[in-house]
PDB file of N, CA and C in Angstrom:
ATOM      1  N   MET A   1     147.250 145.132 125.541  1.00  0.00           N
ATOM      2  CA  MET A   1     146.818 146.498 125.602  1.00  0.00           C
ATOM      3  C   MET A   1     147.003 147.114 124.222  1.00  0.00           C
ATOM      4  N   PHE A   2     146.042 147.912 123.783  1.00  0.00           N
ATOM      5  CA  PHE A   2     146.205 148.640 122.538  1.00  0.00           C
ATOM      6  C   PHE A   2     145.408 149.925 122.585  1.00  0.00           C
ATOM      7  N   PHE A   3     145.812 150.876 121.762  1.00  0.00           N
ATOM      8  CA  PHE A   3     145.115 152.139 121.599  1.00  0.00           C
ATOM      9  C   PHE A   3     144.842 152.299 120.118  1.00  0.00           C
ATOM     10  N   ALA A   4     143.766 152.950 119.761  1.00  0.00           N
ATOM     11  CA  ALA A   4     143.460 153.153 118.352  1.00  0.00           C
ATOM     12  C   ALA A   4     142.870 154.538 118.162  1.00  0.00           C
ATOM     13  N   GLY A   5     142.940 155.060 116.951  1.00  0.00           N
ATOM     14  CA  GLY A   5     142.392 156.367 116.631  1.00  0.00           C
ATOM     15  C   GLY A   5     142.427 156.591 115.142  1.00  0.00           C
ATOM     16  N   SER A   6     142.337 157.830 114.724  1.00  0.00           N
ATOM     17  CA  SER A   6     142.423 158.116 113.293  1.00  0.00           C
ATOM     18  C   SER A   6     143.110 159.448 113.062  1.00  0.00           C
ATOM     19  N   PHE A   7     143.722 159.562 111.908  1.00  0.00           N
ATOM     20  CA  PHE A   7     144.331 160.803 111.442  1.00  0.00           C
ATOM     21  C   PHE A   7     143.535 161.247 110.233  1.00  0.00           C
ATOM     22  N   PRO A   8     143.252 162.527 110.098  1.00  0.00           N
ATOM     23  CA  PRO A   8     142.573 162.987 108.879  1.00  0.00           C
ATOM     24  C   PRO A   8     143.458 162.690 107.677  1.00  0.00           C
ATOM     25  N   PRO A   9     143.013 162.314 106.549  1.00  0.00           N
ATOM     26  CA  PRO A   9     141.613 162.024 106.229  1.00  0.00           C
ATOM     27  C   PRO A   9     141.289 160.551 106.439  1.00  0.00           C
ATOM     28  N   ALA A  10     140.994 160.166 107.628  1.00  0.00           N
ATOM     29  CA  ALA A  10     140.527 158.819 107.998  1.00  0.00           C
ATOM     30  C   ALA A  10     141.588 157.731 107.910  1.00  0.00           C
ATOM     31  N   ASN A  11     142.874 158.075 108.044  1.00  0.00           N
ATOM     32  CA  ASN A  11     143.903 157.037 108.172  1.00  0.00           C
ATOM     33  C   ASN A  11     143.839 156.500 109.592  1.00  0.00           C
ATOM     34  N   ARG A  12     143.561 155.206 109.732  1.00  0.00           N
ATOM     35  CA  ARG A  12     143.444 154.608 111.063  1.00  0.00           C
ATOM     36  C   ARG A  12     144.813 154.193 111.586  1.00  0.00           C
ATOM     37  N   TRP A  13     144.939 154.121 112.909  1.00  0.00           N
ATOM     38  CA  TRP A  13     146.155 153.640 113.540  1.00  0.00           C
ATOM     39  C   TRP A  13     145.796 152.775 114.733  1.00  0.00           C
ATOM     40  N   LEU A  14     146.754 151.961 115.161  1.00  0.00           N
ATOM     41  CA  LEU A  14     146.554 151.043 116.269  1.00  0.00           C
ATOM     42  C   LEU A  14     147.902 150.855 116.959  1.00  0.00           C
ATOM     43  N   CYS A  15     147.933 150.888 118.282  1.00  0.00           N
ATOM     44  CA  CYS A  15     149.164 150.652 119.047  1.00  0.00           C
ATOM     45  C   CYS A  15     148.963 149.423 119.912  1.00  0.00           C
ATOM     46  N   MET A  16     149.856 148.434 119.769  1.00  0.00           N
ATOM     47  CA  MET A  16     149.770 147.189 120.532  1.00  0.00           C
ATOM     48  C   MET A  16     151.036 146.994 121.344  1.00  0.00           C
ATOM     49  N   SER A  17     150.906 146.507 122.551  1.00  0.00           N
ATOM     50  CA  SER A  17     152.043 146.147 123.389  1.00  0.00           C
ATOM     51  C   SER A  17     152.251 144.640 123.259  1.00  0.00           C
ATOM     52  N   ARG A  18     153.482 144.227 122.981  1.00  0.00           N
ATOM     53  CA  ARG A  18     153.790 142.807 122.797  1.00  0.00           C
ATOM     54  C   ARG A  18     154.922 142.397 123.727  1.00  0.00           C
ATOM     55  N   ARG A  19     154.886 141.141 124.179  1.00  0.00           N
ATOM     56  CA  ARG A  19     155.947 140.566 125.007  1.00  0.00           C
ATOM     57  C   ARG A  19     156.133 139.124 124.542  1.00  0.00           C
ATOM     58  N   SER A  20     157.389 138.698 124.394  1.00  0.00           N
ATOM     59  CA  SER A  20     157.632 137.326 123.951  1.00  0.00           C
ATOM     60  C   SER A  20     158.745 136.686 124.779  1.00  0.00           C
ATOM     61  N   ARG A  21     158.646 135.388 124.958  1.00  0.00           N
ATOM     62  CA  ARG A  21     159.634 134.625 125.727  1.00  0.00           C
ATOM     63  C   ARG A  21     160.846 134.313 124.833  1.00  0.00           C
ATOM     64  N   PRO A  22     161.985 133.964 125.436  1.00  0.00           N
ATOM     65  CA  PRO A  22     163.155 133.598 124.635  1.00  0.00           C
ATOM     66  C   PRO A  22     162.826 132.457 123.666  1.00  0.00           C
ATOM     67  N   GLY A  23     163.283 132.586 122.425  1.00  0.00           N
ATOM     68  CA  GLY A  23     163.053 131.564 121.407  1.00  0.00           C
ATOM     69  C   GLY A  23     161.746 131.708 120.647  1.00  0.00           C
ATOM     70  N   PHE A  24     160.834 132.558 121.127  1.00  0.00           N
ATOM     71  CA  PHE A  24     159.545 132.733 120.451  1.00  0.00           C
ATOM     72  C   PHE A  24     159.752 133.300 119.048  1.00  0.00           C
ATOM     73  N   ARG A  25     159.021 132.753 118.077  1.00  0.00           N
ATOM     74  CA  ARG A  25     159.081 133.227 116.695  1.00  0.00           C
ATOM     75  C   ARG A  25     157.673 133.595 116.239  1.00  0.00           C
ATOM     76  N   ARG A  26     157.510 134.831 115.758  1.00  0.00           N
ATOM     77  CA  ARG A  26     156.226 135.260 115.183  1.00  0.00           C
ATOM     78  C   ARG A  26     156.271 134.918 113.702  1.00  0.00           C
ATOM     79  N   THR A  27     155.265 134.209 113.234  1.00  0.00           N
ATOM     80  CA  THR A  27     155.192 133.748 111.857  1.00  0.00           C
ATOM     81  C   THR A  27     155.389 134.897 110.869  1.00  0.00           C
ATOM     82  N   ARG A  28     156.177 134.638 109.833  1.00  0.00           N
ATOM     83  CA  ARG A  28     156.365 135.655 108.786  1.00  0.00           C
ATOM     84  C   ARG A  28     155.055 135.893 108.067  1.00  0.00           C
ATOM     85  N   ARG A  29     154.810 137.155 107.756  1.00  0.00           N
ATOM     86  CA  ARG A  29     153.568 137.529 107.085  1.00  0.00           C
ATOM     87  C   ARG A  29     153.770 138.838 106.357  1.00  0.00           C
ATOM     88  N   ILE A  30     152.825 139.181 105.512  1.00  0.00           N
ATOM     89  CA  ILE A  30     152.856 140.457 104.787  1.00  0.00           C
ATOM     90  C   ILE A  30     152.195 141.516 105.653  1.00  0.00           C
ATOM     91  N   ALA A  31     152.853 142.651 105.829  1.00  0.00           N
ATOM     92  CA  ALA A  31     152.308 143.745 106.637  1.00  0.00           C
ATOM     93  C   ALA A  31     151.083 144.330 105.947  1.00  0.00           C
ATOM     94  N   LEU A  32     149.957 144.345 106.664  1.00  0.00           N
ATOM     95  CA  LEU A  32     148.715 144.887 106.125  1.00  0.00           C
ATOM     96  C   LEU A  32     148.644 146.403 106.285  1.00  0.00           C
ATOM     97  N   SER A  33     149.604 146.957 107.017  1.00  0.00           N
ATOM     98  CA  SER A  33     149.691 148.402 107.237  1.00  0.00           C
ATOM     99  C   SER A  33     151.154 148.746 107.437  1.00  0.00           C
ATOM    100  N   ALA A  34     151.495 150.022 107.434  1.00  0.00           N
ATOM    101  CA  ALA A  34     152.845 150.432 107.825  1.00  0.00           C
ATOM    102  C   ALA A  34     152.949 150.205 109.330  1.00  0.00           C
ATOM    103  N   GLU A  35     154.107 149.729 109.804  1.00  0.00           N
ATOM    104  CA  GLU A  35     154.284 149.458 111.227  1.00  0.00           C
ATOM    105  C   GLU A  35     155.566 150.088 111.735  1.00  0.00           C
ATOM    106  N   ILE A  36     155.483 150.670 112.913  1.00  0.00           N
ATOM    107  CA  ILE A  36     156.654 151.161 113.626  1.00  0.00           C
ATOM    108  C   ILE A  36     156.775 150.291 114.865  1.00  0.00           C
ATOM    109  N   ILE A  37     157.919 149.638 115.036  1.00  0.00           N
ATOM    110  CA  ILE A  37     158.143 148.754 116.169  1.00  0.00           C
ATOM    111  C   ILE A  37     159.161 149.423 117.085  1.00  0.00           C
ATOM    112  N   CYS A  38     158.771 149.668 118.330  1.00  0.00           N
ATOM    113  CA  CYS A  38     159.619 150.345 119.316  1.00  0.00           C
ATOM    114  C   CYS A  38     160.032 149.336 120.381  1.00  0.00           C
ATOM    115  N   MET A  39     161.317 148.987 120.412  1.00  0.00           N
ATOM    116  CA  MET A  39     161.833 147.997 121.359  1.00  0.00           C
ATOM    117  C   MET A  39     161.950 148.600 122.753  1.00  0.00           C
ATOM    118  N   ARG A  40     161.392 147.897 123.750  1.00  0.00           N
ATOM    119  CA  ARG A  40     161.489 148.337 125.147  1.00  0.00           C
ATOM    120  C   ARG A  40     162.475 147.500 125.936  1.00  0.00           C
ATOM    121  N   GLU A  41     162.582 146.201 125.596  1.00  0.00           N
ATOM    122  CA  GLU A  41     163.372 145.275 126.404  1.00  0.00           C
ATOM    123  C   GLU A  41     163.760 144.081 125.546  1.00  0.00           C
ATOM    124  N   GLY A  42     164.940 143.510 125.784  1.00  0.00           N
ATOM    125  CA  GLY A  42     165.340 142.286 125.109  1.00  0.00           C
ATOM    126  C   GLY A  42     165.935 142.508 123.726  1.00  0.00           C
ATOM    127  N   THR A  43     166.075 141.401 122.989  1.00  0.00           N
ATOM    128  CA  THR A  43     166.669 141.424 121.653  1.00  0.00           C
ATOM    129  C   THR A  43     165.827 140.594 120.692  1.00  0.00           C
ATOM    130  N   LEU A  44     165.461 141.197 119.561  1.00  0.00           N
ATOM    131  CA  LEU A  44     164.717 140.505 118.513  1.00  0.00           C
ATOM    132  C   LEU A  44     165.564 140.405 117.254  1.00  0.00           C
ATOM    133  N   GLU A  45     165.392 139.313 116.536  1.00  0.00           N
ATOM    134  CA  GLU A  45     165.918 139.186 115.188  1.00  0.00           C
ATOM    135  C   GLU A  45     164.747 139.525 114.274  1.00  0.00           C
ATOM    136  N   PHE A  46     164.935 140.494 113.407  1.00  0.00           N
ATOM    137  CA  PHE A  46     163.876 141.023 112.548  1.00  0.00           C
ATOM    138  C   PHE A  46     164.190 140.637 111.112  1.00  0.00           C
ATOM    139  N   GLN A  47     163.296 139.860 110.471  1.00  0.00           N
ATOM    140  CA  GLN A  47     163.473 139.450 109.085  1.00  0.00           C
ATOM    141  C   GLN A  47     162.510 140.248 108.215  1.00  0.00           C
ATOM    142  N   HIS A  48     163.042 140.834 107.156  1.00  0.00           N
ATOM    143  CA  HIS A  48     162.185 141.591 106.227  1.00  0.00           C
ATOM    144  C   HIS A  48     162.775 141.520 104.829  1.00  0.00           C
ATOM    145  N   ASP A  49     161.961 141.107 103.877  1.00  0.00           N
ATOM    146  CA  ASP A  49     162.362 141.032 102.465  1.00  0.00           C
ATOM    147  C   ASP A  49     163.722 140.380 102.260  1.00  0.00           C
ATOM    148  N   GLY A  50     163.981 139.262 102.951  1.00  0.00           N
ATOM    149  CA  GLY A  50     165.215 138.514 102.765  1.00  0.00           C
ATOM    150  C   GLY A  50     166.403 139.026 103.555  1.00  0.00           C
ATOM    151  N   VAL A  51     166.233 140.060 104.367  1.00  0.00           N
ATOM    152  CA  VAL A  51     167.306 140.627 105.182  1.00  0.00           C
ATOM    153  C   VAL A  51     167.003 140.317 106.650  1.00  0.00           C
ATOM    154  N   THR A  52     168.050 139.987 107.430  1.00  0.00           N
ATOM    155  CA  THR A  52     167.883 139.748 108.858  1.00  0.00           C
ATOM    156  C   THR A  52     168.718 140.762 109.623  1.00  0.00           C
ATOM    157  N   GLU A  53     168.086 141.420 110.605  1.00  0.00           N
ATOM    158  CA  GLU A  53     168.762 142.413 111.439  1.00  0.00           C
ATOM    159  C   GLU A  53     168.398 142.159 112.892  1.00  0.00           C
ATOM    160  N   ARG A  54     169.218 142.674 113.819  1.00  0.00           N
ATOM    161  CA  ARG A  54     168.915 142.570 115.246  1.00  0.00           C
ATOM    162  C   ARG A  54     168.516 143.926 115.784  1.00  0.00           C
ATOM    163  N   ALA A  55     167.578 143.892 116.738  1.00  0.00           N
ATOM    164  CA  ALA A  55     167.129 145.121 117.394  1.00  0.00           C
ATOM    165  C   ALA A  55     167.048 144.845 118.890  1.00  0.00           C
ATOM    166  N   SER A  56     167.452 145.830 119.688  1.00  0.00           N
ATOM    167  CA  SER A  56     167.390 145.685 121.144  1.00  0.00           C
ATOM    168  C   SER A  56     166.777 146.940 121.756  1.00  0.00           C
ATOM    169  N   ALA A  57     166.657 146.938 123.073  1.00  0.00           N
ATOM    170  CA  ALA A  57     165.987 148.030 123.793  1.00  0.00           C
ATOM    171  C   ALA A  57     166.467 149.392 123.290  1.00  0.00           C
ATOM    172  N   GLY A  58     165.500 150.253 122.959  1.00  0.00           N
ATOM    173  CA  GLY A  58     165.789 151.596 122.459  1.00  0.00           C
ATOM    174  C   GLY A  58     165.770 151.702 120.947  1.00  0.00           C
ATOM    175  N   ASP A  59     165.836 150.583 120.236  1.00  0.00           N
ATOM    176  CA  ASP A  59     165.810 150.610 118.769  1.00  0.00           C
ATOM    177  C   ASP A  59     164.386 150.780 118.251  1.00  0.00           C
ATOM    178  N   ILE A  60     164.267 151.378 117.070  1.00  0.00           N
ATOM    179  CA  ILE A  60     162.983 151.564 116.407  1.00  0.00           C
ATOM    180  C   ILE A  60     163.087 150.996 114.999  1.00  0.00           C
ATOM    181  N   LEU A  61     162.119 150.157 114.619  1.00  0.00           N
ATOM    182  CA  LEU A  61     162.088 149.531 113.296  1.00  0.00           C
ATOM    183  C   LEU A  61     160.892 150.071 112.515  1.00  0.00           C
ATOM    184  N   PHE A  62     161.032 150.141 111.210  1.00  0.00           N
ATOM    185  CA  PHE A  62     159.919 150.528 110.346  1.00  0.00           C
ATOM    186  C   PHE A  62     159.656 149.401 109.364  1.00  0.00           C
ATOM    187  N   VAL A  63     158.379 149.035 109.222  1.00  0.00           N
ATOM    188  CA  VAL A  63     157.959 148.005 108.265  1.00  0.00           C
ATOM    189  C   VAL A  63     156.974 148.662 107.305  1.00  0.00           C
ATOM    190  N   ALA A  64     157.325 148.727 106.040  1.00  0.00           N
ATOM    191  CA  ALA A  64     156.429 149.321 105.041  1.00  0.00           C
ATOM    192  C   ALA A  64     155.265 148.373 104.754  1.00  0.00           C
ATOM    193  N   LYS A  65     154.100 148.933 104.459  1.00  0.00           N
ATOM    194  CA  LYS A  65     152.940 148.137 104.085  1.00  0.00           C
ATOM    195  C   LYS A  65     153.311 147.244 102.902  1.00  0.00           C
ATOM    196  N   GLY A  66     152.930 145.980 102.972  1.00  0.00           N
ATOM    197  CA  GLY A  66     153.215 145.037 101.896  1.00  0.00           C
ATOM    198  C   GLY A  66     154.524 144.285 102.052  1.00  0.00           C
ATOM    199  N   THR A  67     155.303 144.573 103.107  1.00  0.00           N
ATOM    200  CA  THR A  67     156.590 143.921 103.338  1.00  0.00           C
ATOM    201  C   THR A  67     156.395 142.561 104.016  1.00  0.00           C
ATOM    202  N   MET A  68     157.050 141.526 103.493  1.00  0.00           N
ATOM    203  CA  MET A  68     157.071 140.226 104.153  1.00  0.00           C
ATOM    204  C   MET A  68     158.035 140.354 105.336  1.00  0.00           C
ATOM    205  N   HIS A  69     157.566 140.047 106.552  1.00  0.00           N
ATOM    206  CA  HIS A  69     158.419 140.238 107.722  1.00  0.00           C
ATOM    207  C   HIS A  69     158.045 139.270 108.840  1.00  0.00           C
ATOM    208  N   GLY A  70     158.944 139.134 109.808  1.00  0.00           N
ATOM    209  CA  GLY A  70     158.721 138.316 110.987  1.00  0.00           C
ATOM    210  C   GLY A  70     159.753 138.664 112.039  1.00  0.00           C
ATOM    211  N   VAL A  71     159.530 138.231 113.285  1.00  0.00           N
ATOM    212  CA  VAL A  71     160.478 138.480 114.366  1.00  0.00           C
ATOM    213  C   VAL A  71     160.685 137.202 115.169  1.00  0.00           C
ATOM    214  N   ARG A  72     161.859 137.139 115.817  1.00  0.00           N
ATOM    215  CA  ARG A  72     162.183 136.019 116.701  1.00  0.00           C
ATOM    216  C   ARG A  72     162.947 136.575 117.890  1.00  0.00           C
ATOM    217  N   ASN A  73     162.581 136.149 119.086  1.00  0.00           N
ATOM    218  CA  ASN A  73     163.301 136.576 120.280  1.00  0.00           C
ATOM    219  C   ASN A  73     164.577 135.755 120.382  1.00  0.00           C
ATOM    220  N   VAL A  74     165.732 136.402 120.190  1.00  0.00           N
ATOM    221  CA  VAL A  74     167.022 135.720 120.232  1.00  0.00           C
ATOM    222  C   VAL A  74     167.783 136.016 121.517  1.00  0.00           C
ATOM    223  N   GLY A  75     167.144 136.734 122.455  1.00  0.00           N
ATOM    224  CA  GLY A  75     167.789 137.075 123.714  1.00  0.00           C
ATOM    225  C   GLY A  75     167.640 135.973 124.748  1.00  0.00           C
ATOM    226  N   ASP A  76     168.315 136.178 125.896  1.00  0.00           N
ATOM    227  CA  ASP A  76     168.241 135.232 127.006  1.00  0.00           C
ATOM    228  C   ASP A  76     167.005 135.442 127.864  1.00  0.00           C
ATOM    229  N   GLY A  77     166.355 136.584 127.710  1.00  0.00           N
ATOM    230  CA  GLY A  77     165.171 136.900 128.492  1.00  0.00           C
ATOM    231  C   GLY A  77     164.030 137.334 127.602  1.00  0.00           C
ATOM    232  N   PRO A  78     162.950 137.804 128.211  1.00  0.00           N
ATOM    233  CA  PRO A  78     161.796 138.245 127.416  1.00  0.00           C
ATOM    234  C   PRO A  78     162.115 139.468 126.572  1.00  0.00           C
ATOM    235  N   ALA A  79     161.371 139.636 125.496  1.00  0.00           N
ATOM    236  CA  ALA A  79     161.453 140.837 124.660  1.00  0.00           C
ATOM    237  C   ALA A  79     160.118 141.554 124.779  1.00  0.00           C
ATOM    238  N   ALA A  80     160.158 142.869 124.931  1.00  0.00           N
ATOM    239  CA  ALA A  80     158.936 143.663 125.021  1.00  0.00           C
ATOM    240  C   ALA A  80     159.039 144.797 124.020  1.00  0.00           C
ATOM    241  N   TYR A  81     157.943 145.041 123.304  1.00  0.00           N
ATOM    242  CA  TYR A  81     157.950 146.078 122.284  1.00  0.00           C
ATOM    243  C   TYR A  81     156.543 146.556 121.994  1.00  0.00           C
ATOM    244  N   PHE A  82     156.442 147.757 121.446  1.00  0.00           N
ATOM    245  CA  PHE A  82     155.178 148.311 120.974  1.00  0.00           C
ATOM    246  C   PHE A  82     155.164 148.224 119.461  1.00  0.00           C
ATOM    247  N   VAL A  83     154.012 147.928 118.887  1.00  0.00           N
ATOM    248  CA  VAL A  83     153.825 147.970 117.439  1.00  0.00           C
ATOM    249  C   VAL A  83     152.775 149.037 117.161  1.00  0.00           C
ATOM    250  N   ILE A  84     153.137 150.044 116.379  1.00  0.00           N
ATOM    251  CA  ILE A  84     152.200 151.078 115.970  1.00  0.00           C
ATOM    252  C   ILE A  84     151.898 150.838 114.501  1.00  0.00           C
ATOM    253  N   ALA A  85     150.653 150.431 114.213  1.00  0.00           N
ATOM    254  CA  ALA A  85     150.224 150.153 112.838  1.00  0.00           C
ATOM    255  C   ALA A  85     149.469 151.376 112.329  1.00  0.00           C
ATOM    256  N   ILE A  86     149.840 151.852 111.132  1.00  0.00           N
ATOM    257  CA  ILE A  86     149.225 153.051 110.573  1.00  0.00           C
ATOM    258  C   ILE A  86     148.641 152.727 109.207  1.00  0.00           C
ATOM    259  N   GLY A  87     147.342 153.014 109.045  1.00  0.00           N
ATOM    260  CA  GLY A  87     146.664 152.740 107.782  1.00  0.00           C
ATOM    261  C   GLY A  87     146.421 151.260 107.608  1.00  0.00           C
ATOM    262  N   GLY A  88     145.985 150.882 106.429  1.00  0.00           N
ATOM    263  CA  GLY A  88     145.749 149.466 106.149  1.00  0.00           C
ATOM    264  C   GLY A  88     144.612 148.897 106.968  1.00  0.00           C
ATOM    265  N   ASP A  89     144.698 147.609 107.295  1.00  0.00           N
ATOM    266  CA  ASP A  89     143.618 146.898 107.957  1.00  0.00           C
ATOM    267  C   ASP A  89     143.853 146.807 109.460  1.00  0.00           C
ATOM    268  N   THR A  90     143.733 147.926 110.180  1.00  0.00           N
ATOM    269  CA  THR A  90     143.940 147.918 111.631  1.00  0.00           C
ATOM    270  C   THR A  90     142.823 147.186 112.357  1.00  0.00           C
ATOM    271  N   ASN A  91     141.629 147.094 111.786  1.00  0.00           N
ATOM    272  CA  ASN A  91     140.545 146.339 112.422  1.00  0.00           C
ATOM    273  C   ASN A  91     140.893 144.859 112.501  1.00  0.00           C
ATOM    274  N   ARG A  92     141.519 144.316 111.467  1.00  0.00           N
ATOM    275  CA  ARG A  92     141.912 142.909 111.477  1.00  0.00           C
ATOM    276  C   ARG A  92     142.965 142.665 112.544  1.00  0.00           C
ATOM    277  N   LYS A  93     143.916 143.593 112.700  1.00  0.00           N
ATOM    278  CA  LYS A  93     144.951 143.432 113.714  1.00  0.00           C
ATOM    279  C   LYS A  93     144.341 143.357 115.109  1.00  0.00           C
ATOM    280  N   GLN A  94     143.320 144.183 115.380  1.00  0.00           N
ATOM    281  CA  GLN A  94     142.662 144.162 116.675  1.00  0.00           C
ATOM    282  C   GLN A  94     142.022 142.811 116.933  1.00  0.00           C
ATOM    283  N   SER A  95     141.337 142.264 115.964  1.00  0.00           N
ATOM    284  CA  SER A  95     140.580 141.026 116.178  1.00  0.00           C
ATOM    285  C   SER A  95     141.456 139.785 116.164  1.00  0.00           C
ATOM    286  N   THR A  96     142.576 139.794 115.441  1.00  0.00           N
ATOM    287  CA  THR A  96     143.400 138.594 115.333  1.00  0.00           C
ATOM    288  C   THR A  96     144.626 138.631 116.223  1.00  0.00           C
ATOM    289  N   GLY A  97     144.931 139.797 116.792  1.00  0.00           N
ATOM    290  CA  GLY A  97     146.105 139.897 117.645  1.00  0.00           C
ATOM    291  C   GLY A  97     147.408 139.836 116.889  1.00  0.00           C
ATOM    292  N   ILE A  98     147.424 140.189 115.625  1.00  0.00           N
ATOM    293  CA  ILE A  98     148.654 140.162 114.827  1.00  0.00           C
ATOM    294  C   ILE A  98     149.628 141.188 115.367  1.00  0.00           C
TER     295      ILE A  98
END
């Protein structure tokens, strides 16, 4: 599920709902837009620019555009979170499911 829209002057945004099983790792990549990650359930290990942090339900993460980052589900159960991408290449995110 995702929602998309725009903010004047034409800054695009996209909201994606994500769920991952225990042990799942999302490949590290460079953020094509600024991202706000809102944790709903579970525990993720968040890697960004050589730093590793943990986030769990209720936590909010910010990823600046151009940041090398990745996540891994380190919990015993599923992890669920929303990713809100602002600016950058939101059309690519829609088509590739990033």
